[in-house]
Amino acid sequence: MSVRRVMGTEVEYGISVVGQPLANPMVASSQVVNAYASATLKARRARWDFEEEFPLRDARGFDMSRHVADPSQLTDEDLGLANVILTNGARLYVDHAHPEYSTPEVTTPLDIVLWDKAGEQVMLDASRRAAQLPGNPQIVLYKNNTDNKGASYGAHENYLMRRSTVFGEIIKHLTPFFVSRQVICGAGRVGRGQDGRDQGFQISQRADFFEVEVGLETTLKRPIINTRDEPHADPEKYRRLHVIIGDANLSEISTYLKIGTTTLVLAMIEDRFLSRDLSVDGPVSALRAVSHDPTLQHRLTLRDGRSLTALELQLEYLDQARKFVEDRFGADADAQTLDVLARWEDVLDRLARDPMSLAGELDWVAKLRLVEQYRARDGLAWDDPKLQLIDYQYSDIRPEKGLYHRLVRAGRMQRLLTDDAVERAMHDPPTDTRAYFRGRCLEKYAEHVAAASWDSVIFDLPGRESLQRVPTIDPLRGSRAHVGDLLDRCDTAAELFAALTR
């Protein structure tokens, strides 16, 4: 394996109604999603199919009882909230109090960046359309993870893995990786503690909200390793690793490295390549301690007695990843895998020498530099409310307001993508996964697609009394190579279904 695998992200956006601090966030989120759906989706609006979802199935071999589960875990219940499928294969919906965008399934870190960025533009377009409706106030969305009043919302990653991989090995090797990974992909935060009242700056927005090492929950008692076992694929072959510990990134390089380095570690776990036990004492407290030290000097105690900084721990993983790629691929390693390795090494090296040298590449460093500039210019103490406003403004997705976007326009933040590519990804699906089939069906046969999910498309065909389900259980089938010609050839959904079931 390389950095290639089936994967995707889910991002909940912070939401604010201008001039209405007590506005119902569920109502505002629904307005955002419905405004986009009404303006961009053709004819009938396909509903989300919840039939194949099992959110209480635990990778440790049991199902949690619905009676003891927190209501936020019951994602298989149709609550009647706005929930639509887009022509790019993505899902746009209301997750309790937030609008959420889930990318289509992709196979490379760079594609994650592309369709994740497309999600930002979808959300921007959606919020603007909602504000144009008669009587509606302006709604502002933030790509961040906390309101600094004690609430946190997620930016999740999903990776398809071999079912044969022992889950205990995943826990063992991923936990120290996640504790230290934030030095690359943290989004940065003004304030410490869940409500942000303690003074200072920290690397990660999410670190203070994790309370246990392993568990099924995602909103209470958040675990470093989430055990949700819902593969959305053949359960005999695959598990879906549901990662809830990452920050919502605006920097394309932060997202790219977050995904790319994680896929390499997963490949090493699957191939049983990792020989060193890098387990950390007290990983939950270690996670917070690393986040609270932007000087990167905090030392973690490993269970083997060693003492390493988060940077040094990342270097341990990098060293093994280099050996893994050389051993498995040699000169045949693909370009993106080699690029992830090179960037990973370069970023760790420069973080060790001068973290501020990465202000144009990593979110937390870019935000820290902005905050320090304002502190120096205006003599602001760390408890000055203006600093938290700067934090919010960094993540404002409006290009005319967001500080991240101002850095991009000023040439002070590097990018990996073009605006044209992101614009296309708002509407077009990836071509190498089943998202292609889902997206093309929504684009071409919208009137006859009754519902869809990650692993099926359901048609309502003329002359048939019941709905017709087309399973898409294999994430790598339904690609353009598999069905592109068929979709081009079939003018109607009935013709397509007949051809698929002939």
Protein backbone atom coordinates (compact mmCIF):
# COMPACT_ATOMS: atom_id res chain seq x y z
CA MET A 1 0.00 0.00 0.00
CA SER A 2 0.96 3.65 -0.52
CA VAL A 3 -0.93 6.85 0.30
CA ARG A 4 -3.75 5.55 -1.90
CA ARG A 5 -6.85 4.11 -0.26
CA VAL A 6 -10.60 4.82 -0.19
CA MET A 7 -11.24 7.70 2.19
CA GLY A 8 -13.23 10.86 2.85
CA THR A 9 -13.82 13.67 5.34
CA GLU A 10 -16.81 15.14 7.16
CA VAL A 11 -16.73 18.73 8.41
CA GLU A 12 -19.29 20.43 10.64
CA TYR A 13 -19.22 24.21 10.19
CA GLY A 14 -19.66 26.73 12.96
CA ILE A 15 -22.72 28.92 12.31
CA SER A 16 -23.72 32.41 13.39
CA VAL A 17 -26.80 34.47 12.51
CA VAL A 18 -25.79 38.14 12.25
CA GLY A 19 -27.64 40.27 14.79
CA GLN A 20 -29.42 37.29 16.34
CA PRO A 21 -27.21 35.67 19.00
CA LEU A 22 -30.13 33.55 20.26
CA ALA A 23 -31.15 32.24 16.83
CA ASN A 24 -31.89 28.52 16.62
CA PRO A 25 -28.80 26.96 14.97
CA MET A 26 -30.79 23.96 13.67
CA VAL A 27 -33.18 26.27 11.86
CA ALA A 28 -30.34 28.37 10.46
CA SER A 29 -28.43 25.28 9.36
CA SER A 30 -31.54 23.93 7.62
CA GLN A 31 -31.96 27.23 5.81
CA VAL A 32 -28.39 26.99 4.54
CA VAL A 33 -28.72 23.43 3.24
CA ASN A 34 -32.19 23.91 1.77
CA ALA A 35 -31.22 27.13 0.02
CA TYR A 36 -28.36 25.39 -1.77
CA ALA A 37 -30.44 22.35 -2.65
CA SER A 38 -33.32 24.42 -4.03
CA ALA A 39 -31.02 26.49 -6.21
CA THR A 40 -28.71 23.80 -7.56
CA LEU A 41 -30.41 20.40 -7.59
CA LYS A 42 -32.61 19.43 -10.52
CA ALA A 43 -36.22 18.32 -10.29
CA ARG A 44 -36.83 15.88 -7.46
CA ARG A 45 -34.57 16.03 -4.42
CA ALA A 46 -33.25 12.58 -3.50
CA ARG A 47 -33.45 11.74 0.19
CA TRP A 48 -30.66 10.12 2.18
CA ASP A 49 -31.10 6.37 2.66
CA PHE A 50 -30.47 5.39 6.30
CA GLU A 51 -31.23 1.67 5.88
CA GLU A 52 -27.63 0.47 5.80
CA GLU A 53 -26.34 2.59 8.70
CA PHE A 54 -25.31 1.00 12.00
CA PRO A 55 -23.80 3.75 14.17
CA LEU A 56 -23.85 1.71 17.41
CA ARG A 57 -21.78 -1.19 16.10
CA ASP A 58 -18.46 -1.29 17.93
CA ALA A 59 -15.21 -2.58 16.42
CA ARG A 60 -14.52 -4.37 19.69
CA GLY A 61 -17.24 -6.88 18.86
CA PHE A 62 -20.55 -5.64 20.26
CA ASP A 63 -23.44 -3.26 19.57
CA MET A 64 -24.18 -0.49 22.04
CA SER A 65 -27.79 -0.49 23.26
CA ARG A 66 -29.93 2.29 21.84
CA HIS A 67 -31.29 2.86 25.33
CA VAL A 68 -27.92 3.98 26.69
CA ALA A 69 -26.63 5.76 23.58
CA ASP A 70 -26.56 9.53 23.49
CA PRO A 71 -29.09 10.86 20.93
CA SER A 72 -26.22 12.42 18.96
CA GLN A 73 -24.95 8.90 18.20
CA LEU A 74 -28.18 7.81 16.49
CA THR A 75 -27.19 8.99 13.03
CA ASP A 76 -29.34 6.29 11.44
CA GLU A 77 -32.53 8.10 12.47
CA ASP A 78 -34.19 10.37 9.95
CA LEU A 79 -34.97 13.45 12.03
CA GLY A 80 -36.49 15.32 9.11
CA LEU A 81 -33.57 17.73 8.92
CA ALA A 82 -32.22 18.97 5.60
CA ASN A 83 -30.19 16.18 4.02
CA VAL A 84 -29.26 16.07 0.34
CA ILE A 85 -26.87 14.35 -2.06
CA LEU A 86 -24.92 16.51 -4.49
CA THR A 87 -23.91 15.84 -8.08
CA ASN A 88 -20.27 15.65 -7.01
CA GLY A 89 -21.16 12.60 -4.91
CA ALA A 90 -20.96 14.48 -1.60
CA ARG A 91 -23.53 14.74 1.17
CA LEU A 92 -24.75 18.12 2.48
CA TYR A 93 -26.92 17.98 5.57
CA VAL A 94 -27.76 19.26 9.04
CA ASP A 95 -26.03 17.40 11.84
CA HIS A 96 -27.93 18.58 14.90
CA ALA A 97 -26.84 22.22 15.29
CA HIS A 98 -24.45 22.51 12.33
CA PRO A 99 -24.43 22.32 8.55
CA GLU A 100 -22.12 19.47 7.55
CA TYR A 101 -20.42 18.51 4.31
CA SER A 102 -19.10 15.00 3.67
CA THR A 103 -16.78 14.62 0.72
CA PRO A 104 -17.36 11.89 -1.84
CA GLU A 105 -15.13 8.84 -1.60
CA VAL A 106 -11.68 9.53 -3.06
CA THR A 107 -8.40 7.63 -3.23
CA THR A 108 -5.55 10.13 -2.72
CA PRO A 109 -4.64 12.82 -0.18
CA LEU A 110 -4.66 15.50 -2.88
CA ASP A 111 -8.19 14.51 -3.88
CA ILE A 112 -9.25 14.86 -0.25
CA VAL A 113 -7.90 18.41 -0.34
CA LEU A 114 -9.75 19.10 -3.60
CA TRP A 115 -13.21 17.87 -2.59
CA ASP A 116 -12.80 19.25 0.94
CA LYS A 117 -12.09 22.67 -0.56
CA ALA A 118 -15.08 22.20 -2.85
CA GLY A 119 -17.09 21.76 0.35
CA GLU A 120 -15.96 25.17 1.58
CA GLN A 121 -17.24 26.73 -1.63
CA VAL A 122 -20.51 24.80 -1.42
CA MET A 123 -21.00 26.11 2.11
CA LEU A 124 -20.13 29.66 1.06
CA ASP A 125 -22.59 29.52 -1.83
CA ALA A 126 -25.24 27.98 0.43
CA SER A 127 -24.93 30.65 3.12
CA ARG A 128 -25.14 33.42 0.54
CA ARG A 129 -28.24 31.89 -1.06
CA ALA A 130 -29.89 31.53 2.34
CA ALA A 131 -29.29 35.23 3.07
CA GLN A 132 -30.99 36.18 -0.22
CA LEU A 133 -34.31 34.64 0.80
CA PRO A 134 -36.96 37.21 1.83
CA GLY A 135 -36.77 38.05 5.50
CA ASN A 136 -33.63 36.06 6.16
CA PRO A 137 -30.69 37.62 8.04
CA GLN A 138 -27.07 37.07 7.04
CA ILE A 139 -25.66 33.72 8.10
CA VAL A 140 -21.92 33.37 8.61
CA LEU A 141 -20.14 30.01 8.56
CA TYR A 142 -16.80 29.20 10.14
CA LYS A 143 -14.54 26.28 9.34
CA ASN A 144 -13.42 25.76 12.91
CA ASN A 145 -14.05 23.39 15.82
CA THR A 146 -15.19 25.35 18.86
CA ASP A 147 -17.26 28.37 19.85
CA ASN A 148 -14.96 28.97 22.86
CA LYS A 149 -18.01 28.67 25.11
CA GLY A 150 -17.56 24.99 25.85
CA ALA A 151 -18.94 23.46 22.65
CA SER A 152 -16.92 21.59 20.04
CA TYR A 153 -17.93 20.24 16.64
CA GLY A 154 -16.13 17.79 14.46
CA ALA A 155 -13.88 17.46 11.46
CA HIS A 156 -13.79 13.71 10.89
CA GLU A 157 -11.71 11.53 8.60
CA ASN A 158 -12.67 8.11 7.26
CA TYR A 159 -10.27 5.47 5.96
CA LEU A 160 -11.19 2.08 4.55
CA MET A 161 -8.97 -0.63 6.03
CA ARG A 162 -8.62 -4.38 5.75
CA ARG A 163 -10.98 -6.19 8.10
CA SER A 164 -8.19 -8.67 8.85
CA THR A 165 -6.17 -5.96 10.63
CA VAL A 166 -6.32 -6.55 14.39
CA PHE A 167 -8.05 -3.56 15.98
CA GLY A 168 -5.72 -3.69 18.97
CA GLU A 169 -2.80 -2.98 16.63
CA ILE A 170 -4.64 0.04 15.26
CA ILE A 171 -5.09 1.39 18.79
CA LYS A 172 -1.48 0.68 19.75
CA HIS A 173 0.17 2.41 16.81
CA LEU A 174 -2.31 5.19 16.02
CA THR A 175 -2.71 6.60 19.51
CA PRO A 176 0.82 8.07 19.81
CA PHE A 177 0.64 9.16 16.19
CA PHE A 178 -2.55 11.14 16.84
CA VAL A 179 -1.12 12.62 20.05
CA SER A 180 1.81 14.03 18.06
CA ARG A 181 0.19 14.64 14.61
CA GLN A 182 -1.31 17.95 15.72
CA VAL A 183 2.07 19.72 15.34
CA ILE A 184 1.49 19.41 11.58
CA CYS A 185 -2.27 19.70 11.22
CA GLY A 186 -3.50 21.67 14.23
CA ALA A 187 -5.71 24.64 13.34
CA GLY A 188 -4.52 26.79 16.25
CA ARG A 189 -6.65 28.27 19.00
CA VAL A 190 -6.66 31.32 21.27
CA GLY A 191 -7.50 30.17 24.79
CA ARG A 192 -7.14 26.92 26.68
CA GLY A 193 -9.66 24.64 28.31
CA GLN A 194 -12.97 23.68 26.81
CA ASP A 195 -14.45 27.14 27.32
CA GLY A 196 -11.23 28.89 26.30
CA ARG A 197 -11.04 30.95 29.48
CA ASP A 198 -7.42 30.10 30.28
CA GLN A 199 -4.98 32.47 28.66
CA GLY A 200 -2.61 31.55 25.89
CA PHE A 201 -2.40 29.98 22.45
CA GLN A 202 -2.51 26.30 21.63
CA ILE A 203 -1.83 24.16 18.57
CA SER A 204 -5.11 22.26 18.28
CA GLN A 205 -8.74 23.36 18.51
CA ARG A 206 -9.95 19.88 19.48
CA ALA A 207 -7.34 18.62 21.96
CA ASP A 208 -9.06 19.91 25.11
CA PHE A 209 -12.28 18.07 24.24
CA PHE A 210 -10.91 14.51 24.34
CA GLU A 211 -11.41 12.57 27.54
CA VAL A 212 -10.73 8.86 26.94
CA GLU A 213 -8.34 6.75 24.91
CA VAL A 214 -10.80 4.42 23.15
CA GLY A 215 -14.59 4.51 22.73
CA LEU A 216 -17.64 4.69 20.49
CA GLU A 217 -18.89 8.17 21.40
CA THR A 218 -18.22 11.23 19.25
CA THR A 219 -19.81 14.08 21.22
CA LEU A 220 -19.47 12.93 24.86
CA LYS A 221 -16.42 11.28 26.40
CA ARG A 222 -14.66 11.76 23.08
CA PRO A 223 -12.00 9.09 22.46
CA ILE A 224 -8.66 9.43 20.71
CA ILE A 225 -9.51 6.20 18.86
CA ASN A 226 -13.14 5.89 17.82
CA THR A 227 -14.48 2.34 17.57
CA ARG A 228 -17.48 2.89 15.31
CA ASP A 229 -17.67 -0.11 12.97
CA GLU A 230 -19.73 0.95 9.98
CA PRO A 231 -17.73 0.21 6.83
CA HIS A 232 -20.23 1.26 4.13
CA ALA A 233 -18.63 -1.56 2.16
CA ASP A 234 -18.36 -5.34 2.35
CA PRO A 235 -17.98 -5.94 6.11
CA GLU A 236 -16.19 -9.23 5.50
CA LYS A 237 -13.38 -7.41 3.70
CA TYR A 238 -13.30 -3.93 5.19
CA ARG A 239 -13.62 -1.78 8.25
CA ARG A 240 -13.94 2.00 8.11
CA LEU A 241 -11.64 3.76 10.54
CA HIS A 242 -13.63 6.76 11.80
CA VAL A 243 -11.16 9.40 13.00
CA ILE A 244 -12.67 12.17 15.09
CA ILE A 245 -9.53 13.75 16.55
CA GLY A 246 -8.46 16.07 13.71
CA ASP A 247 -8.99 19.81 13.37
CA ALA A 248 -10.83 21.52 10.53
CA ASN A 249 -8.08 22.87 8.31
CA LEU A 250 -8.15 25.74 5.83
CA SER A 251 -4.52 25.30 4.79
CA GLU A 252 -4.33 22.94 1.86
CA ILE A 253 -0.91 21.72 2.95
CA SER A 254 -2.12 20.97 6.49
CA THR A 255 -4.99 18.89 5.11
CA TYR A 256 -2.71 17.16 2.60
CA LEU A 257 -0.19 16.15 5.24
CA LYS A 258 -2.85 15.22 7.78
CA ILE A 259 -4.33 12.71 5.34
CA GLY A 260 -1.10 11.65 3.62
CA THR A 261 0.86 10.85 6.77
CA THR A 262 -2.09 9.00 8.28
CA THR A 263 -2.55 6.81 5.21
CA LEU A 264 1.10 5.82 5.38
CA VAL A 265 0.83 4.87 9.03
CA LEU A 266 -2.31 2.85 8.29
CA ALA A 267 -0.51 1.04 5.47
CA MET A 268 2.30 0.12 7.85
CA ILE A 269 -0.19 -1.13 10.44
CA GLU A 270 -1.98 -3.27 7.86
CA ASP A 271 1.28 -4.78 6.64
CA ARG A 272 2.55 -5.31 10.22
CA PHE A 273 5.61 -3.27 9.38
CA LEU A 274 5.80 -1.14 12.53
CA SER A 275 8.38 -2.72 14.79
CA ARG A 276 8.72 -0.04 17.47
CA ASP A 277 6.24 0.39 20.29
CA LEU A 278 5.83 4.16 20.60
CA SER A 279 3.05 4.03 23.20
CA VAL A 280 2.80 7.18 25.33
CA ASP A 281 2.02 7.32 29.04
CA GLY A 282 -1.31 9.04 29.69
CA PRO A 283 -2.19 9.80 26.06
CA VAL A 284 -5.19 12.02 26.87
CA SER A 285 -3.17 14.34 29.11
CA ALA A 286 -0.25 14.09 26.66
CA LEU A 287 -2.53 15.21 23.82
CA ARG A 288 -3.47 18.35 25.71
CA ALA A 289 0.07 19.04 26.89
CA VAL A 290 1.39 18.95 23.32
CA SER A 291 -1.38 21.27 22.17
CA HIS A 292 -0.71 23.74 24.98
CA ASP A 293 2.95 24.16 24.03
CA PRO A 294 3.42 25.98 20.70
CA THR A 295 7.16 26.12 21.45
CA LEU A 296 7.14 22.36 20.73
CA GLN A 297 9.45 21.66 23.68
CA HIS A 298 7.11 19.54 25.81
CA ARG A 299 8.52 16.05 26.32
CA LEU A 300 6.33 12.97 26.28
CA THR A 301 7.15 9.94 28.37
CA LEU A 302 6.99 6.72 26.39
CA ARG A 303 6.15 3.44 28.04
CA ASP A 304 9.58 2.11 27.14
CA GLY A 305 11.11 4.83 29.30
CA ARG A 306 12.22 7.22 26.61
CA SER A 307 11.39 10.91 26.62
CA LEU A 308 10.53 12.50 23.24
CA THR A 309 8.97 15.69 22.00
CA ALA A 310 5.99 15.43 19.64
CA LEU A 311 8.34 16.37 16.79
CA GLU A 312 10.73 13.59 17.70
CA LEU A 313 7.83 11.15 17.92
CA GLN A 314 6.70 12.17 14.44
CA LEU A 315 10.25 11.64 13.20
CA GLU A 316 10.07 8.07 14.49
CA TYR A 317 7.00 7.46 12.32
CA LEU A 318 8.60 9.24 9.36
CA ASP A 319 11.72 7.10 9.64
CA GLN A 320 9.67 3.90 9.55
CA ALA A 321 7.50 5.22 6.71
CA ARG A 322 10.58 5.92 4.57
CA LYS A 323 11.86 2.40 5.18
CA PHE A 324 8.40 0.98 4.45
CA VAL A 325 8.08 2.74 1.08
CA GLU A 326 11.60 1.77 0.07
CA ASP A 327 11.04 -1.84 1.14
CA ARG A 328 7.63 -2.23 -0.54
CA PHE A 329 8.04 -0.08 -3.65
CA GLY A 330 11.66 0.91 -4.18
CA ALA A 331 12.01 2.95 -7.34
CA ASP A 332 8.36 2.24 -8.25
CA ALA A 333 6.87 4.38 -5.49
CA ASP A 334 4.20 6.72 -6.86
CA ALA A 335 4.77 10.47 -7.02
CA GLN A 336 2.22 11.43 -4.38
CA THR A 337 3.61 8.99 -1.82
CA LEU A 338 7.10 10.39 -2.39
CA ASP A 339 5.78 13.94 -2.15
CA VAL A 340 4.07 13.25 1.19
CA LEU A 341 7.29 11.79 2.57
CA ALA A 342 9.36 14.74 1.35
CA ARG A 343 6.94 17.34 2.71
CA TRP A 344 6.59 15.49 6.01
CA GLU A 345 10.36 15.51 6.50
CA ASP A 346 10.72 19.14 5.44
CA VAL A 347 7.95 20.34 7.74
CA LEU A 348 9.32 18.48 10.77
CA ASP A 349 12.82 19.78 10.08
CA ARG A 350 11.68 23.41 9.85
CA LEU A 351 9.38 23.12 12.88
CA ALA A 352 12.44 22.01 14.86
CA ARG A 353 14.54 24.93 13.64
CA ASP A 354 11.99 27.76 13.39
CA PRO A 355 8.24 27.09 13.54
CA MET A 356 7.47 30.56 12.16
CA SER A 357 9.11 29.55 8.87
CA LEU A 358 5.91 27.55 8.23
CA ALA A 359 3.51 30.48 8.60
CA GLY A 360 2.70 30.16 4.91
CA GLU A 361 1.92 26.44 5.08
CA LEU A 362 0.41 25.33 8.40
CA ASP A 363 -2.77 26.73 9.93
CA TRP A 364 -1.68 26.91 13.55
CA VAL A 365 1.56 28.71 12.71
CA ALA A 366 -0.21 31.13 10.34
CA LYS A 367 -2.77 31.95 13.03
CA LEU A 368 -0.13 32.34 15.74
CA ARG A 369 1.83 34.78 13.60
CA LEU A 370 -1.31 36.86 12.99
CA VAL A 371 -2.17 36.89 16.68
CA GLU A 372 1.35 37.87 17.68
CA GLN A 373 1.35 40.67 15.12
CA TYR A 374 -1.86 42.11 16.57
CA ARG A 375 -0.51 41.69 20.11
CA ALA A 376 2.66 43.57 19.23
CA ARG A 377 0.87 46.31 17.32
CA ASP A 378 -1.91 47.01 19.84
CA GLY A 379 -0.30 45.84 23.08
CA LEU A 380 -2.94 43.16 23.64
CA ALA A 381 -2.78 40.75 26.56
CA TRP A 382 -3.71 37.11 25.96
CA ASP A 383 -7.08 37.60 27.67
CA ASP A 384 -8.09 40.46 25.38
CA PRO A 385 -11.38 39.53 23.60
CA LYS A 386 -9.98 40.92 20.34
CA LEU A 387 -7.67 37.92 20.07
CA GLN A 388 -10.54 35.46 20.09
CA LEU A 389 -12.22 37.55 17.40
CA ILE A 390 -9.07 37.19 15.30
CA ASP A 391 -9.28 33.42 15.87
CA TYR A 392 -12.88 33.37 14.59
CA GLN A 393 -12.09 35.65 11.68
CA TYR A 394 -9.30 33.37 10.51
CA SER A 395 -11.86 30.61 9.95
CA ASP A 396 -14.60 32.79 8.40
CA ILE A 397 -15.19 31.20 4.99
CA ARG A 398 -16.17 34.50 3.35
CA PRO A 399 -13.23 35.50 1.13
CA GLU A 400 -13.79 39.19 1.80
CA LYS A 401 -13.73 38.69 5.59
CA GLY A 402 -11.74 35.58 6.46
CA LEU A 403 -8.14 36.18 7.50
CA TYR A 404 -7.00 32.91 5.93
CA HIS A 405 -8.34 34.13 2.59
CA ARG A 406 -6.61 37.46 3.00
CA LEU A 407 -3.32 35.63 3.51
CA VAL A 408 -3.93 33.66 0.31
CA ARG A 409 -4.66 36.83 -1.69
CA ALA A 410 -1.53 38.45 -0.28
CA GLY A 411 0.58 35.48 -1.39
CA ARG A 412 1.36 34.61 2.23
CA MET A 413 -0.29 31.17 2.24
CA GLN A 414 0.74 28.45 -0.18
CA ARG A 415 -1.81 26.44 -2.14
CA LEU A 416 -1.83 23.10 -3.92
CA LEU A 417 -4.95 23.67 -6.02
CA THR A 418 -6.37 26.14 -8.51
CA ASP A 419 -9.71 27.94 -8.18
CA ASP A 420 -10.87 26.35 -11.44
CA ALA A 421 -10.22 22.84 -10.13
CA VAL A 422 -12.15 23.58 -6.92
CA GLU A 423 -15.04 25.05 -8.93
CA ARG A 424 -15.29 21.87 -11.02
CA ALA A 425 -15.16 19.67 -7.91
CA MET A 426 -18.22 21.48 -6.52
CA HIS A 427 -20.26 19.82 -9.26
CA ASP A 428 -18.27 16.88 -10.66
CA PRO A 429 -17.57 13.65 -8.75
CA PRO A 430 -14.25 11.83 -8.50
CA THR A 431 -13.84 9.44 -11.41
CA ASP A 432 -12.18 6.50 -9.65
CA THR A 433 -14.71 5.49 -6.97
CA ARG A 434 -18.42 4.67 -6.74
CA ALA A 435 -19.02 8.39 -6.09
CA TYR A 436 -18.83 8.75 -9.88
CA PHE A 437 -21.90 6.55 -10.36
CA ARG A 438 -23.82 8.29 -7.55
CA GLY A 439 -22.98 11.78 -8.76
CA ARG A 440 -23.69 11.08 -12.43
CA CYS A 441 -27.05 9.50 -11.56
CA LEU A 442 -28.00 12.59 -9.53
CA GLU A 443 -26.94 14.80 -12.41
CA LYS A 444 -28.54 12.86 -15.27
CA TYR A 445 -31.54 11.07 -13.78
CA ALA A 446 -32.48 13.35 -10.88
CA GLU A 447 -36.23 12.97 -11.41
CA HIS A 448 -36.04 9.22 -10.89
CA VAL A 449 -33.50 8.96 -8.04
CA ALA A 450 -35.61 8.54 -4.91
CA ALA A 451 -32.74 8.12 -2.45
CA ALA A 452 -29.07 7.30 -2.17
CA SER A 453 -26.39 6.56 0.39
CA TRP A 454 -22.72 5.64 0.33
CA ASP A 455 -23.52 2.07 -0.68
CA SER A 456 -26.65 2.30 -2.86
CA VAL A 457 -28.68 4.36 -5.30
CA ILE A 458 -32.45 3.86 -5.22
CA PHE A 459 -34.56 4.53 -8.32
CA ASP A 460 -38.26 5.26 -8.64
CA LEU A 461 -38.89 4.00 -12.17
CA PRO A 462 -42.00 4.47 -14.31
CA GLY A 463 -44.18 1.38 -14.45
CA ARG A 464 -42.68 -0.27 -11.34
CA GLU A 465 -44.67 -0.53 -8.14
CA SER A 466 -41.67 -0.62 -5.83
CA LEU A 467 -38.42 1.29 -5.58
CA GLN A 468 -35.39 -0.34 -7.17
CA ARG A 469 -32.12 -0.43 -5.26
CA VAL A 470 -28.76 -0.58 -7.05
CA PRO A 471 -26.14 -1.63 -4.47
CA THR A 472 -22.71 -0.03 -4.65
CA ILE A 473 -21.04 -2.09 -1.96
CA ASP A 474 -17.60 -2.01 -3.64
CA PRO A 475 -16.19 1.53 -3.30
CA LEU A 476 -13.87 1.02 -6.28
CA ARG A 477 -16.61 -0.04 -8.69
CA GLY A 478 -19.01 2.44 -10.19
CA SER A 479 -16.02 4.47 -11.38
CA ARG A 480 -15.84 6.11 -14.79
CA ALA A 481 -13.79 3.18 -16.07
CA HIS A 482 -16.56 0.78 -15.02
CA VAL A 483 -19.76 2.66 -15.89
CA GLY A 484 -18.80 5.81 -17.77
CA ASP A 485 -19.75 4.49 -21.21
CA LEU A 486 -22.94 2.95 -19.83
CA LEU A 487 -24.06 6.21 -18.26
CA ASP A 488 -23.26 8.10 -21.46
CA ARG A 489 -25.25 5.57 -23.49
CA CYS A 490 -28.40 5.36 -21.34
CA ASP A 491 -30.72 8.32 -21.81
CA THR A 492 -33.13 7.32 -19.04
CA ALA A 493 -32.91 5.78 -15.59
CA ALA A 494 -35.06 2.89 -16.81
CA GLU A 495 -32.54 2.11 -19.56
CA LEU A 496 -29.70 2.26 -17.05
CA PHE A 497 -31.43 -0.05 -14.58
CA ALA A 498 -32.30 -2.53 -17.35
CA ALA A 499 -28.69 -2.57 -18.51
CA LEU A 500 -27.37 -3.07 -14.97
CA THR A 501 -29.75 -5.94 -14.18
CA ARG A 502 -29.80 -7.65 -17.58
